[in-house]
Amino acid sequence: MVQIKKEGVGEVQHKEVISEQDLEILYKNGGFSCDSPKSLQQKVFFEIMLYFCNRGRENLRGMKKSDYVIRKDHDSRRSSFCGKNQSPVLNNNFTKMERSPRYRHVWIIIILSILISTLFFFTSYKVEILPRDTNIPMLRENSQDCLRPNIPLNNGNQTYINGKQTFQTPVDYRKETARISHNGTQADDPYLVELIRRFWIRSPPTGPYKFKNKKTDYSTHGQSVIIDNTLKNKEGGFYVECGACDGEFQSNTLYLELKRNWTGLLIEPNRKNYQQLLKTNRRAFYINACLSPYNHPAVLKFKEDWAIGHLMEQNPGGSKTVDVQCFPFYSILLALNIKHIDVFSLDVEGAEVSILETVPFDKVDISMLNVEYQHVKGGSDFLQTYTESKGYVTVQKVFRDLIVKKKGLD
């Protein structure tokens, strides 16, 4: 800055001091309201700059923990944090704050805002420490970070599948799954299927249901009821819901589970959503992974964004973009030994057709499909033509979903 001023290009034009009238206008227009996080953040930032930093941010760098002590308010009943810095600028500004009744409790807002912002940062943008030799996140909330009691330990002996030597147990299943991804492993590979069966899938729980909301139908526009009517109130069916979210929000299968005693498979790649999903105790199998748009397992970039998370074609970076393990749909079905599905609900924000392309419809019998078409290229018309080519007829278009049933289904 000094060098710039010497060159004659560093002139600083100071603004006029903010008047009391202008301050009153700022506080009355709602921009510094405490009712929303954004306006509260603006209020805290403005007041820190106003009272502590007469010239830009000059005093921020010099502020220390020792600049604060506990004093009494003017009513001598409440304690507050006040400045005692040797700088006359800080001392004068603290004195001004104390004298003004309007800003008597500014320190509370400042401290609480800092604490809340810090807590929000560390809970929303969790940093994962990963092994250097794998891209798979260490998912503590996954089906198993330690072996289940019902998985036998071989104490160093090898496990054999179809006469071929496979992994030893215990095994780092995340690392092992990543190792065989992208290397030509096909969807029906016995080794892949055994990994999924033993380590990735969580069995249905036995505890009581725990839901945030009590509803009859959790789907957005009655999709569950349409499916129920089409299947003539079938009891004890099997569903698959990919994009299960927290198990409640816009679920197309929860109605069938509660009303018709169905079970099924819930697929959710988002780590936080999966944690909430497990708490519901839904009577289904769980897997914290995504469906692969290829006929082989893959580690792909995924944007974690509540109910609209999706696979990324490129890596844009950012705290919400993570590596996720993806499996072919058929691989998971083989791991569960499932050959018939009554309803397959697919909502993955764009990769629906690519995933359907991996499904061997000649080997898996799926009675009905509920597929979101909002992000499908070509929209509902393209998806309808595609499902017709697979032997399905349209039942109804509902909101952003296409519901189809297999030809000949009574």
Protein backbone atom coordinates (compact mmCIF):
# COMPACT_ATOMS: atom_id res chain seq x y z
CA MET A 1 0.00 0.00 0.00
CA VAL A 2 2.85 2.39 0.84
CA GLN A 3 4.50 1.73 -2.54
CA ILE A 4 1.20 2.31 -4.31
CA LYS A 5 0.77 5.64 -2.58
CA LYS A 6 4.31 6.66 -3.58
CA GLU A 7 3.36 5.97 -7.19
CA GLY A 8 0.41 8.31 -6.82
CA VAL A 9 -2.29 5.72 -7.41
CA GLY A 10 -3.20 4.90 -3.84
CA GLU A 11 -5.45 7.82 -2.98
CA VAL A 12 -8.12 6.92 -0.45
CA GLN A 13 -11.43 8.71 -0.48
CA HIS A 14 -13.16 8.43 2.87
CA LYS A 15 -16.91 8.19 3.08
CA GLU A 16 -18.96 10.42 5.30
CA VAL A 17 -19.68 9.18 8.82
CA ILE A 18 -22.96 7.28 9.09
CA SER A 19 -25.48 9.55 10.78
CA GLU A 20 -27.86 8.50 13.54
CA GLN A 21 -30.76 8.98 11.13
CA ASP A 22 -29.18 6.63 8.59
CA LEU A 23 -28.51 4.07 11.32
CA GLU A 24 -32.13 4.20 12.35
CA ILE A 25 -33.22 3.59 8.77
CA LEU A 26 -30.86 0.61 8.47
CA TYR A 27 -32.25 -1.01 11.59
CA LYS A 28 -35.89 -0.39 10.73
CA ASN A 29 -35.86 -1.77 7.16
CA GLY A 30 -35.44 -5.38 8.27
CA GLY A 31 -31.98 -5.90 6.87
CA PHE A 32 -30.57 -6.43 10.36
CA SER A 33 -33.42 -8.52 11.71
CA CYS A 34 -32.63 -11.39 14.06
CA ASP A 35 -35.38 -13.52 12.53
CA SER A 36 -33.26 -15.07 9.78
CA PRO A 37 -29.64 -16.33 9.65
CA LYS A 38 -28.77 -14.08 6.70
CA SER A 39 -29.99 -10.82 8.25
CA LEU A 40 -28.45 -11.77 11.60
CA GLN A 41 -25.11 -12.37 9.89
CA GLN A 42 -25.37 -8.97 8.19
CA LYS A 43 -26.17 -7.32 11.51
CA VAL A 44 -23.20 -8.91 13.30
CA PHE A 45 -20.77 -8.06 10.49
CA PHE A 46 -22.00 -4.47 10.29
CA GLU A 47 -21.77 -3.86 14.02
CA ILE A 48 -18.29 -5.35 14.29
CA MET A 49 -17.09 -3.10 11.48
CA LEU A 50 -18.93 -0.07 12.89
CA TYR A 51 -17.71 -0.27 16.47
CA PHE A 52 -14.36 -2.01 16.24
CA CYS A 53 -12.97 -0.94 12.87
CA ASN A 54 -13.06 2.77 12.18
CA ARG A 55 -10.89 2.38 9.09
CA GLY A 56 -11.89 -0.73 7.18
CA ARG A 57 -10.78 -3.79 9.09
CA GLU A 58 -7.72 -2.28 10.74
CA ASN A 59 -8.51 -3.44 14.27
CA LEU A 60 -9.55 -7.01 13.45
CA ARG A 61 -5.97 -8.20 13.13
CA GLY A 62 -4.97 -6.79 16.50
CA MET A 63 -7.89 -8.16 18.51
CA LYS A 64 -6.94 -10.78 21.09
CA LYS A 65 -8.64 -12.86 23.72
CA SER A 66 -7.20 -10.53 26.37
CA ASP A 67 -9.19 -7.65 24.86
CA TYR A 68 -12.29 -8.90 26.70
CA VAL A 69 -13.26 -8.97 30.37
CA ILE A 70 -16.51 -9.52 32.23
CA ARG A 71 -18.28 -6.39 33.41
CA LYS A 72 -21.67 -5.51 34.76
CA ASP A 73 -24.38 -3.93 32.66
CA HIS A 74 -25.81 -0.60 33.69
CA ASP A 75 -28.57 -2.32 35.66
CA SER A 76 -25.87 -4.22 37.60
CA ARG A 77 -27.76 -7.45 37.13
CA ARG A 78 -26.32 -9.01 33.97
CA SER A 79 -22.79 -9.86 32.97
CA SER A 80 -21.43 -8.93 29.57
CA PHE A 81 -18.16 -9.12 27.67
CA CYS A 82 -16.55 -5.71 27.27
CA GLY A 83 -13.30 -4.53 25.80
CA LYS A 84 -10.25 -3.43 27.75
CA ASN A 85 -7.76 -3.17 24.89
CA GLN A 86 -5.06 -0.54 25.25
CA SER A 87 -6.12 0.89 21.92
CA PRO A 88 -8.17 4.06 22.50
CA VAL A 89 -10.16 3.27 19.35
CA LEU A 90 -11.40 -0.02 20.78
CA ASN A 91 -11.97 1.40 24.24
CA ASN A 92 -13.94 4.34 22.89
CA ASN A 93 -16.08 2.12 20.74
CA PHE A 94 -16.84 -0.27 23.58
CA THR A 95 -17.81 2.72 25.71
CA LYS A 96 -20.09 3.93 22.95
CA MET A 97 -21.72 0.53 22.74
CA GLU A 98 -22.30 0.43 26.49
CA ARG A 99 -23.85 3.89 26.55
CA SER A 100 -26.30 3.16 23.77
CA PRO A 101 -29.37 1.22 25.00
CA ARG A 102 -30.00 0.03 21.46
CA TYR A 103 -26.75 -1.93 21.36
CA ARG A 104 -26.58 -3.05 25.00
CA HIS A 105 -26.72 -6.71 24.09
CA VAL A 106 -24.75 -6.61 20.85
CA TRP A 107 -22.09 -8.74 22.50
CA ILE A 108 -24.62 -11.54 22.94
CA ILE A 109 -25.46 -11.52 19.25
CA ILE A 110 -21.79 -11.41 18.26
CA ILE A 111 -20.73 -14.31 20.48
CA LEU A 112 -23.77 -16.47 19.70
CA SER A 113 -23.36 -15.83 15.97
CA ILE A 114 -19.72 -16.88 16.08
CA LEU A 115 -20.57 -20.03 18.03
CA ILE A 116 -23.52 -20.95 15.77
CA SER A 117 -21.55 -20.26 12.60
CA THR A 118 -18.65 -22.38 13.82
CA LEU A 119 -20.97 -25.23 14.78
CA PHE A 120 -22.81 -25.02 11.45
CA PHE A 121 -19.54 -25.08 9.52
CA PHE A 122 -18.17 -28.19 11.17
CA THR A 123 -21.45 -30.12 11.08
CA SER A 124 -22.36 -29.23 7.50
CA TYR A 125 -18.94 -29.66 5.92
CA LYS A 126 -17.55 -32.71 7.63
CA VAL A 127 -13.96 -33.47 6.69
CA GLU A 128 -13.19 -37.12 6.06
CA ILE A 129 -9.65 -38.50 6.49
CA LEU A 130 -9.20 -41.19 3.86
CA PRO A 131 -6.53 -43.81 3.20
CA ARG A 132 -4.23 -42.66 0.41
CA ASP A 133 -4.72 -45.80 -1.62
CA THR A 134 -8.52 -45.58 -2.00
CA ASN A 135 -11.11 -43.00 -3.02
CA ILE A 136 -13.93 -44.52 -1.00
CA PRO A 137 -15.04 -42.34 1.93
CA MET A 138 -14.83 -43.89 5.38
CA LEU A 139 -18.54 -44.20 6.06
CA ARG A 140 -19.01 -44.85 9.75
CA GLU A 141 -22.76 -45.02 9.22
CA ASN A 142 -22.42 -47.78 6.63
CA SER A 143 -23.86 -51.24 7.03
CA GLN A 144 -20.72 -52.46 8.78
CA ASP A 145 -17.48 -50.90 9.88
CA CYS A 146 -16.91 -54.01 11.90
CA LEU A 147 -18.07 -57.49 10.93
CA ARG A 148 -21.58 -58.58 11.83
CA PRO A 149 -21.89 -61.35 14.40
CA ASN A 150 -23.46 -63.65 11.81
CA ILE A 151 -20.47 -63.39 9.45
CA PRO A 152 -18.05 -66.19 10.29
CA LEU A 153 -14.42 -65.35 10.87
CA ASN A 154 -12.05 -67.70 9.09
CA ASN A 155 -9.02 -66.84 11.22
CA GLY A 156 -6.80 -66.51 8.20
CA ASN A 157 -8.41 -69.26 6.14
CA GLN A 158 -9.46 -68.31 2.64
CA THR A 159 -13.08 -68.11 1.46
CA TYR A 160 -13.86 -69.88 -1.81
CA ILE A 161 -16.63 -69.05 -4.28
CA ASN A 162 -17.20 -71.48 -7.15
CA GLY A 163 -13.85 -73.05 -6.43
CA LYS A 164 -11.98 -69.75 -6.72
CA GLN A 165 -10.01 -68.20 -3.88
CA THR A 166 -11.57 -64.97 -2.64
CA PHE A 167 -11.00 -62.56 0.24
CA GLN A 168 -10.00 -63.30 3.78
CA THR A 169 -12.25 -62.21 6.59
CA PRO A 170 -12.12 -59.81 8.27
CA VAL A 171 -11.62 -57.52 5.27
CA ASP A 172 -11.62 -53.77 4.59
CA TYR A 173 -14.67 -53.98 2.35
CA ARG A 174 -14.53 -50.36 1.19
CA LYS A 175 -10.95 -50.68 0.06
CA GLU A 176 -11.54 -54.06 -1.52
CA THR A 177 -14.64 -52.90 -3.39
CA ALA A 178 -12.80 -49.87 -4.72
CA ARG A 179 -9.97 -52.11 -5.90
CA ILE A 180 -12.21 -54.17 -8.16
CA SER A 181 -14.16 -51.21 -9.55
CA HIS A 182 -13.35 -49.96 -13.07
CA ASN A 183 -11.29 -53.06 -13.86
CA GLY A 184 -13.75 -55.08 -15.93
CA THR A 185 -15.65 -56.64 -13.04
CA GLN A 186 -19.09 -57.51 -14.40
CA ALA A 187 -22.41 -57.16 -12.62
CA ASP A 188 -22.80 -60.91 -12.03
CA ASP A 189 -19.24 -61.47 -10.80
CA PRO A 190 -19.49 -63.87 -7.81
CA TYR A 191 -16.76 -62.07 -5.91
CA LEU A 192 -18.53 -58.71 -6.26
CA VAL A 193 -21.87 -60.22 -5.27
CA GLU A 194 -20.33 -61.79 -2.17
CA LEU A 195 -18.78 -58.48 -1.13
CA ILE A 196 -22.14 -56.75 -1.42
CA ARG A 197 -23.97 -59.50 0.43
CA ARG A 198 -21.53 -59.72 3.33
CA PHE A 199 -20.49 -56.16 3.88
CA TRP A 200 -22.66 -53.57 2.15
CA ILE A 201 -26.26 -54.63 2.78
CA ARG A 202 -27.89 -54.10 6.16
CA SER A 203 -30.69 -56.49 7.09
CA PRO A 204 -34.16 -55.27 8.14
CA PRO A 205 -34.31 -54.10 11.78
CA THR A 206 -36.77 -55.37 14.36
CA GLY A 207 -37.30 -52.26 16.50
CA PRO A 208 -40.41 -50.06 16.44
CA TYR A 209 -40.96 -47.53 13.68
CA LYS A 210 -39.65 -44.03 14.39
CA PHE A 211 -41.03 -41.40 12.03
CA LYS A 212 -40.83 -37.62 12.21
CA ASN A 213 -44.29 -37.24 10.68
CA LYS A 214 -47.38 -39.41 10.83
CA LYS A 215 -49.14 -39.61 7.47
CA THR A 216 -51.22 -42.06 5.52
CA ASP A 217 -49.44 -41.45 2.22
CA TYR A 218 -45.93 -40.00 2.10
CA SER A 219 -45.67 -39.73 -1.69
CA THR A 220 -45.95 -36.27 -3.26
CA HIS A 221 -49.07 -36.72 -5.39
CA GLY A 222 -50.55 -40.07 -4.45
CA GLN A 223 -48.17 -42.27 -6.42
CA SER A 224 -48.30 -44.92 -3.69
CA VAL A 225 -52.09 -45.15 -3.87
CA ILE A 226 -52.02 -45.43 -7.67
CA ILE A 227 -49.53 -48.30 -7.41
CA ASP A 228 -51.61 -49.95 -4.69
CA ASN A 229 -54.77 -49.75 -6.79
CA THR A 230 -52.99 -51.05 -9.89
CA LEU A 231 -51.71 -54.07 -7.96
CA LYS A 232 -55.18 -54.57 -6.43
CA ASN A 233 -54.12 -54.00 -2.83
CA LYS A 234 -51.50 -56.74 -2.95
CA GLU A 235 -50.23 -57.89 0.44
CA GLY A 236 -46.62 -58.76 1.27
CA GLY A 237 -45.03 -57.39 -1.88
CA PHE A 238 -41.40 -56.42 -2.47
CA TYR A 239 -40.30 -52.93 -3.49
CA VAL A 240 -37.03 -51.23 -4.39
CA GLU A 241 -36.70 -47.50 -3.82
CA CYS A 242 -33.59 -45.79 -5.12
CA GLY A 243 -33.31 -42.28 -3.78
CA ALA A 244 -34.85 -43.27 -0.46
CA CYS A 245 -33.71 -40.03 1.23
CA ASP A 246 -34.54 -40.23 4.96
CA GLY A 247 -37.15 -42.97 4.49
CA GLU A 248 -40.11 -40.60 4.82
CA PHE A 249 -39.71 -37.55 2.61
CA GLN A 250 -41.70 -38.10 -0.62
CA SER A 251 -41.40 -41.86 -0.22
CA ASN A 252 -43.31 -43.84 -2.85
CA THR A 253 -43.08 -47.11 -0.91
CA LEU A 254 -43.69 -46.34 2.77
CA TYR A 255 -47.47 -46.45 2.28
CA LEU A 256 -47.19 -49.96 0.86
CA GLU A 257 -44.99 -51.04 3.76
CA LEU A 258 -47.34 -49.69 6.43
CA LYS A 259 -50.66 -50.47 4.73
CA ARG A 260 -49.91 -53.74 2.90
CA ASN A 261 -47.08 -55.20 4.98
CA TRP A 262 -44.50 -54.95 2.19
CA THR A 263 -40.74 -55.19 2.58
CA GLY A 264 -38.04 -54.17 0.18
CA LEU A 265 -34.69 -52.52 -0.50
CA LEU A 266 -33.88 -48.88 0.27
CA ILE A 267 -30.93 -47.37 -1.63
CA GLU A 268 -29.50 -44.02 -0.51
CA PRO A 269 -25.98 -42.73 -1.30
CA ASN A 270 -26.15 -39.52 0.75
CA ARG A 271 -24.41 -40.18 4.07
CA LYS A 272 -26.51 -37.86 6.22
CA ASN A 273 -29.75 -39.04 4.66
CA TYR A 274 -28.68 -42.63 5.24
CA GLN A 275 -28.12 -41.96 8.94
CA GLN A 276 -31.65 -40.63 9.22
CA LEU A 277 -32.97 -43.52 7.15
CA LEU A 278 -31.56 -46.06 9.58
CA LYS A 279 -33.36 -44.39 12.48
CA THR A 280 -36.79 -45.07 10.95
CA ASN A 281 -36.45 -48.85 11.41
CA ARG A 282 -38.25 -49.48 8.14
CA ARG A 283 -38.78 -53.18 7.42
CA ALA A 284 -36.38 -53.30 4.51
CA PHE A 285 -32.82 -54.00 3.48
CA TYR A 286 -30.57 -50.93 3.39
CA ILE A 287 -27.52 -50.02 1.34
CA ASN A 288 -25.50 -46.82 1.49
CA ALA A 289 -24.36 -46.69 -2.13
CA CYS A 290 -25.60 -45.53 -5.50
CA LEU A 291 -26.77 -47.48 -8.53
CA SER A 292 -24.14 -47.58 -11.22
CA PRO A 293 -25.01 -46.24 -14.67
CA TYR A 294 -22.66 -48.92 -16.04
CA ASN A 295 -22.65 -52.72 -16.07
CA HIS A 296 -19.78 -52.75 -13.60
CA PRO A 297 -19.08 -51.25 -10.17
CA ALA A 298 -17.61 -47.77 -10.15
CA VAL A 299 -16.41 -45.02 -7.86
CA LEU A 300 -18.12 -41.84 -9.03
CA LYS A 301 -18.49 -38.23 -7.97
CA PHE A 302 -21.71 -37.48 -6.12
CA LYS A 303 -23.14 -34.16 -4.98
CA GLU A 304 -24.71 -34.56 -1.55
CA ASP A 305 -27.67 -32.21 -1.57
CA TRP A 306 -30.51 -33.48 0.64
CA ALA A 307 -33.26 -34.88 -1.62
CA ILE A 308 -31.75 -33.68 -4.92
CA GLY A 309 -28.27 -35.21 -4.69
CA HIS A 310 -27.00 -36.65 -7.96
CA LEU A 311 -24.05 -38.14 -9.80
CA MET A 312 -21.68 -35.66 -11.41
CA GLU A 313 -20.24 -36.11 -14.89
CA GLN A 314 -17.31 -33.91 -13.91
CA ASN A 315 -15.75 -33.01 -10.60
CA PRO A 316 -16.73 -29.42 -9.77
CA GLY A 317 -15.10 -29.63 -6.36
CA GLY A 318 -16.69 -28.20 -3.27
CA SER A 319 -17.49 -29.56 0.15
CA LYS A 320 -20.68 -31.32 -0.99
CA THR A 321 -19.01 -33.37 -3.73
CA VAL A 322 -17.76 -36.75 -2.55
CA ASP A 323 -16.69 -40.10 -3.96
CA VAL A 324 -19.35 -42.79 -3.68
CA GLN A 325 -19.32 -46.49 -4.41
CA CYS A 326 -21.82 -47.45 -7.10
CA PHE A 327 -23.08 -50.96 -7.89
CA PRO A 328 -25.02 -52.32 -10.85
CA PHE A 329 -28.64 -52.87 -9.88
CA TYR A 330 -28.42 -56.51 -10.90
CA SER A 331 -25.44 -57.09 -8.58
CA ILE A 332 -27.45 -55.99 -5.55
CA LEU A 333 -30.40 -58.16 -6.57
CA LEU A 334 -28.10 -61.17 -6.90
CA ALA A 335 -26.70 -60.46 -3.43
CA LEU A 336 -30.26 -60.55 -2.06
CA ASN A 337 -31.29 -63.44 -4.31
CA ILE A 338 -34.20 -61.37 -5.62
CA LYS A 339 -35.72 -62.22 -9.00
CA HIS A 340 -39.11 -60.55 -8.71
CA ILE A 341 -39.87 -56.95 -7.78
CA ASP A 342 -43.40 -55.61 -7.50
CA VAL A 343 -42.43 -51.93 -7.69
CA PHE A 344 -39.16 -50.25 -8.60
CA SER A 345 -39.18 -46.54 -7.67
CA LEU A 346 -36.30 -44.67 -9.30
CA ASP A 347 -35.52 -41.02 -8.53
CA VAL A 348 -31.84 -40.15 -9.02
CA GLU A 349 -32.01 -36.67 -10.55
CA GLY A 350 -30.84 -37.44 -14.08
CA ALA A 351 -29.30 -40.92 -14.42
CA GLU A 352 -32.61 -42.82 -14.54
CA VAL A 353 -32.37 -44.08 -18.13
CA SER A 354 -28.67 -45.00 -17.79
CA ILE A 355 -29.52 -47.12 -14.75
CA LEU A 356 -32.50 -48.76 -16.46
CA GLU A 357 -30.19 -49.65 -19.34
CA THR A 358 -28.18 -51.86 -16.96
CA VAL A 359 -31.23 -53.85 -15.81
CA PRO A 360 -31.50 -57.31 -17.44
CA PHE A 361 -35.29 -57.35 -17.84
CA ASP A 362 -35.07 -60.90 -19.17
CA LYS A 363 -33.63 -62.06 -15.83
CA VAL A 364 -35.50 -59.82 -13.40
CA ASP A 365 -39.30 -59.63 -13.32
CA ILE A 366 -40.42 -56.09 -12.39
CA SER A 367 -44.20 -55.60 -12.29
CA MET A 368 -44.26 -51.81 -12.07
CA LEU A 369 -41.89 -48.86 -12.47
CA ASN A 370 -42.22 -45.39 -10.93
CA VAL A 371 -39.56 -43.23 -12.60
CA GLU A 372 -38.97 -39.50 -12.29
CA TYR A 373 -38.58 -37.90 -15.71
CA GLN A 374 -37.85 -34.28 -14.71
CA HIS A 375 -34.14 -34.55 -15.56
CA VAL A 376 -34.43 -37.15 -18.32
CA LYS A 377 -33.37 -35.84 -21.73
CA GLY A 378 -36.51 -35.92 -23.85
CA GLY A 379 -38.74 -35.80 -20.81
CA SER A 380 -41.77 -38.00 -20.25
CA ASP A 381 -42.27 -38.76 -23.96
CA PHE A 382 -38.81 -40.26 -24.29
CA LEU A 383 -39.14 -42.22 -21.06
CA GLN A 384 -42.55 -43.51 -22.09
CA THR A 385 -41.20 -44.71 -25.44
CA TYR A 386 -38.24 -46.32 -23.69
CA THR A 387 -40.34 -48.23 -21.15
CA GLU A 388 -42.69 -49.38 -23.91
CA SER A 389 -39.69 -50.91 -25.67
CA LYS A 390 -39.03 -52.88 -22.48
CA GLY A 391 -42.56 -54.31 -22.41
CA TYR A 392 -44.42 -51.78 -20.24
CA VAL A 393 -47.57 -49.73 -20.70
CA THR A 394 -48.27 -46.37 -19.11
CA VAL A 395 -50.56 -46.27 -16.10
CA GLN A 396 -50.39 -42.56 -15.36
CA LYS A 397 -48.18 -39.47 -15.38
CA VAL A 398 -48.16 -37.97 -11.93
CA PHE A 399 -46.41 -34.69 -11.20
CA ARG A 400 -42.86 -35.46 -12.48
CA ASP A 401 -43.18 -39.25 -12.36
CA LEU A 402 -44.11 -41.79 -14.99
CA ILE A 403 -45.86 -44.88 -13.60
CA VAL A 404 -45.89 -47.92 -15.87
CA LYS A 405 -46.86 -51.58 -15.52
CA LYS A 406 -45.78 -54.69 -17.32
CA LYS A 407 -47.92 -55.71 -20.27
CA GLY A 408 -50.39 -58.41 -19.30
CA LEU A 409 -50.35 -57.48 -15.62
CA ASP A 410 -53.88 -57.99 -14.33
